[in-house]
Amino acid sequence: LLPLVLEPTERERLASMRERRAWDVADVVSRMLSRATIVQLPGVDEKSEGESEVSTPAVVPLHERLAQCDARG
C-alpha cells in the first residue's frame, strides 16, 4: 500500500519517505478498522423461509478523508 501514498504527511521528527508513507498507511488502516461494524439489514432467510435480518459487515465512511466533504462532514 505504500506506493499509494504520493505525498506523505510531514512529521515532527526526522524520518525517511518510506517511514512516513508507512505511518500514513497505518493511520488509515487503523481508522478503517475502528469504523468496522456489523449492520443488520432486512432480508430473506433461506433457512427459515421467511423475512429476517441479515448481518453484513460494513465500514462507516471516513468523512474527513473524502474530498467532497467540508469541515462539518
C-alpha atoms as a PDB file:
ATOM      1  CA  LEU A   1       0.000   0.000   0.000  1.00  0.00           C
ATOM      2  CA  LEU A   2       2.987   2.311   0.390  1.00  0.00           C
ATOM      3  CA  PRO A   3       3.074   3.310  -3.328  1.00  0.00           C
ATOM      4  CA  LEU A   4      -0.472   4.730  -2.952  1.00  0.00           C
ATOM      5  CA  VAL A   5       0.831   7.493  -0.660  1.00  0.00           C
ATOM      6  CA  LEU A   6       2.263  10.057  -3.067  1.00  0.00           C
ATOM      7  CA  GLU A   7       2.808  12.869  -0.575  1.00  0.00           C
ATOM      8  CA  PRO A   8       3.215  11.599   2.990  1.00  0.00           C
ATOM      9  CA  THR A   9       2.299  13.726   5.983  1.00  0.00           C
ATOM     10  CA  GLU A  10       5.095  15.817   7.464  1.00  0.00           C
ATOM     11  CA  ARG A  11       6.172  14.504  10.860  1.00  0.00           C
ATOM     12  CA  GLU A  12       7.863  16.333  13.729  1.00  0.00           C
ATOM     13  CA  ARG A  13      10.807  14.002  13.947  1.00  0.00           C
ATOM     14  CA  LEU A  14      13.018  13.168  11.006  1.00  0.00           C
ATOM     15  CA  ALA A  15      12.019  10.071   9.082  1.00  0.00           C
ATOM     16  CA  SER A  16      12.612   8.665   5.651  1.00  0.00           C
ATOM     17  CA  MET A  17       9.996   8.954   2.902  1.00  0.00           C
ATOM     18  CA  ARG A  18       9.249   5.231   3.266  1.00  0.00           C
ATOM     19  CA  GLU A  19       8.707   5.518   7.041  1.00  0.00           C
ATOM     20  CA  ARG A  20       6.363   8.487   6.636  1.00  0.00           C
ATOM     21  CA  ARG A  21       4.377   6.566   3.985  1.00  0.00           C
ATOM     22  CA  ALA A  22       4.189   3.551   6.289  1.00  0.00           C
ATOM     23  CA  TRP A  23       2.866   5.754   9.122  1.00  0.00           C
ATOM     24  CA  ASP A  24       0.199   7.211   6.811  1.00  0.00           C
ATOM     25  CA  VAL A  25      -0.876   3.734   5.695  1.00  0.00           C
ATOM     26  CA  ALA A  26      -1.005   2.540   9.322  1.00  0.00           C
ATOM     27  CA  ASP A  27      -3.088   5.608  10.236  1.00  0.00           C
ATOM     28  CA  VAL A  28      -5.669   4.912   7.520  1.00  0.00           C
ATOM     29  CA  VAL A  29      -5.840   1.182   8.301  1.00  0.00           C
ATOM     30  CA  SER A  30      -6.341   2.000  11.985  1.00  0.00           C
ATOM     31  CA  ARG A  31      -9.163   4.431  11.159  1.00  0.00           C
ATOM     32  CA  MET A  32     -10.814   1.882   8.867  1.00  0.00           C
ATOM     33  CA  LEU A  33     -10.675  -0.890  11.456  1.00  0.00           C
ATOM     34  CA  SER A  34     -12.076   1.404  14.144  1.00  0.00           C
ATOM     35  CA  ARG A  35     -15.094   2.075  11.910  1.00  0.00           C
ATOM     36  CA  ALA A  36     -15.789  -1.560  11.008  1.00  0.00           C
ATOM     37  CA  THR A  37     -19.161  -2.770  12.219  1.00  0.00           C
ATOM     38  CA  ILE A  38     -21.933  -5.277  11.575  1.00  0.00           C
ATOM     39  CA  VAL A  39     -25.150  -3.886  10.065  1.00  0.00           C
ATOM     40  CA  GLN A  40     -28.484  -5.652  10.416  1.00  0.00           C
ATOM     41  CA  LEU A  41     -30.321  -5.440   7.075  1.00  0.00           C
ATOM     42  CA  PRO A  42     -33.826  -6.709   6.364  1.00  0.00           C
ATOM     43  CA  GLY A  43     -33.672  -9.687   4.078  1.00  0.00           C
ATOM     44  CA  VAL A  44     -34.918 -13.156   3.304  1.00  0.00           C
ATOM     45  CA  ASP A  45     -33.567 -16.047   5.334  1.00  0.00           C
ATOM     46  CA  GLU A  46     -33.406 -19.153   3.171  1.00  0.00           C
ATOM     47  CA  LYS A  47     -33.279 -21.478   6.201  1.00  0.00           C
ATOM     48  CA  SER A  48     -36.456 -20.239   7.872  1.00  0.00           C
ATOM     49  CA  GLU A  49     -38.176 -19.400   4.559  1.00  0.00           C
ATOM     50  CA  GLY A  50     -39.303 -16.012   5.782  1.00  0.00           C
ATOM     51  CA  GLU A  51     -38.177 -12.463   6.335  1.00  0.00           C
ATOM     52  CA  SER A  52     -35.432 -11.847   8.868  1.00  0.00           C
ATOM     53  CA  GLU A  53     -32.459  -9.632   9.486  1.00  0.00           C
ATOM     54  CA  VAL A  54     -29.237 -10.385   7.667  1.00  0.00           C
ATOM     55  CA  SER A  55     -25.919  -9.401   9.258  1.00  0.00           C
ATOM     56  CA  THR A  56     -23.370  -7.873   6.918  1.00  0.00           C
ATOM     57  CA  PRO A  57     -20.006  -6.241   7.612  1.00  0.00           C
ATOM     58  CA  ALA A  58     -19.653  -2.539   6.781  1.00  0.00           C
ATOM     59  CA  VAL A  59     -17.270   0.367   7.242  1.00  0.00           C
ATOM     60  CA  VAL A  60     -18.663   3.708   8.356  1.00  0.00           C
ATOM     61  CA  PRO A  61     -17.480   6.366   5.840  1.00  0.00           C
ATOM     62  CA  LEU A  62     -14.361   8.357   6.601  1.00  0.00           C
ATOM     63  CA  HIS A  63     -15.768  11.837   6.049  1.00  0.00           C
ATOM     64  CA  GLU A  64     -12.504  13.559   6.896  1.00  0.00           C
ATOM     65  CA  ARG A  65     -10.800  11.642   4.046  1.00  0.00           C
ATOM     66  CA  LEU A  66     -13.436  12.409   1.385  1.00  0.00           C
ATOM     67  CA  ALA A  67     -12.702  15.376  -0.877  1.00  0.00           C
ATOM     68  CA  GLN A  68     -16.352  16.409  -1.271  1.00  0.00           C
ATOM     69  CA  CYS A  69     -16.894  16.895   2.493  1.00  0.00           C
ATOM     70  CA  ASP A  70     -16.279  20.139   4.292  1.00  0.00           C
ATOM     71  CA  ALA A  71     -15.103  20.572   7.911  1.00  0.00           C
ATOM     72  CA  ARG A  72     -18.593  19.716   9.209  1.00  0.00           C
ATOM     73  CA  GLY A  73     -18.586  16.323   7.449  1.00  0.00           C
END
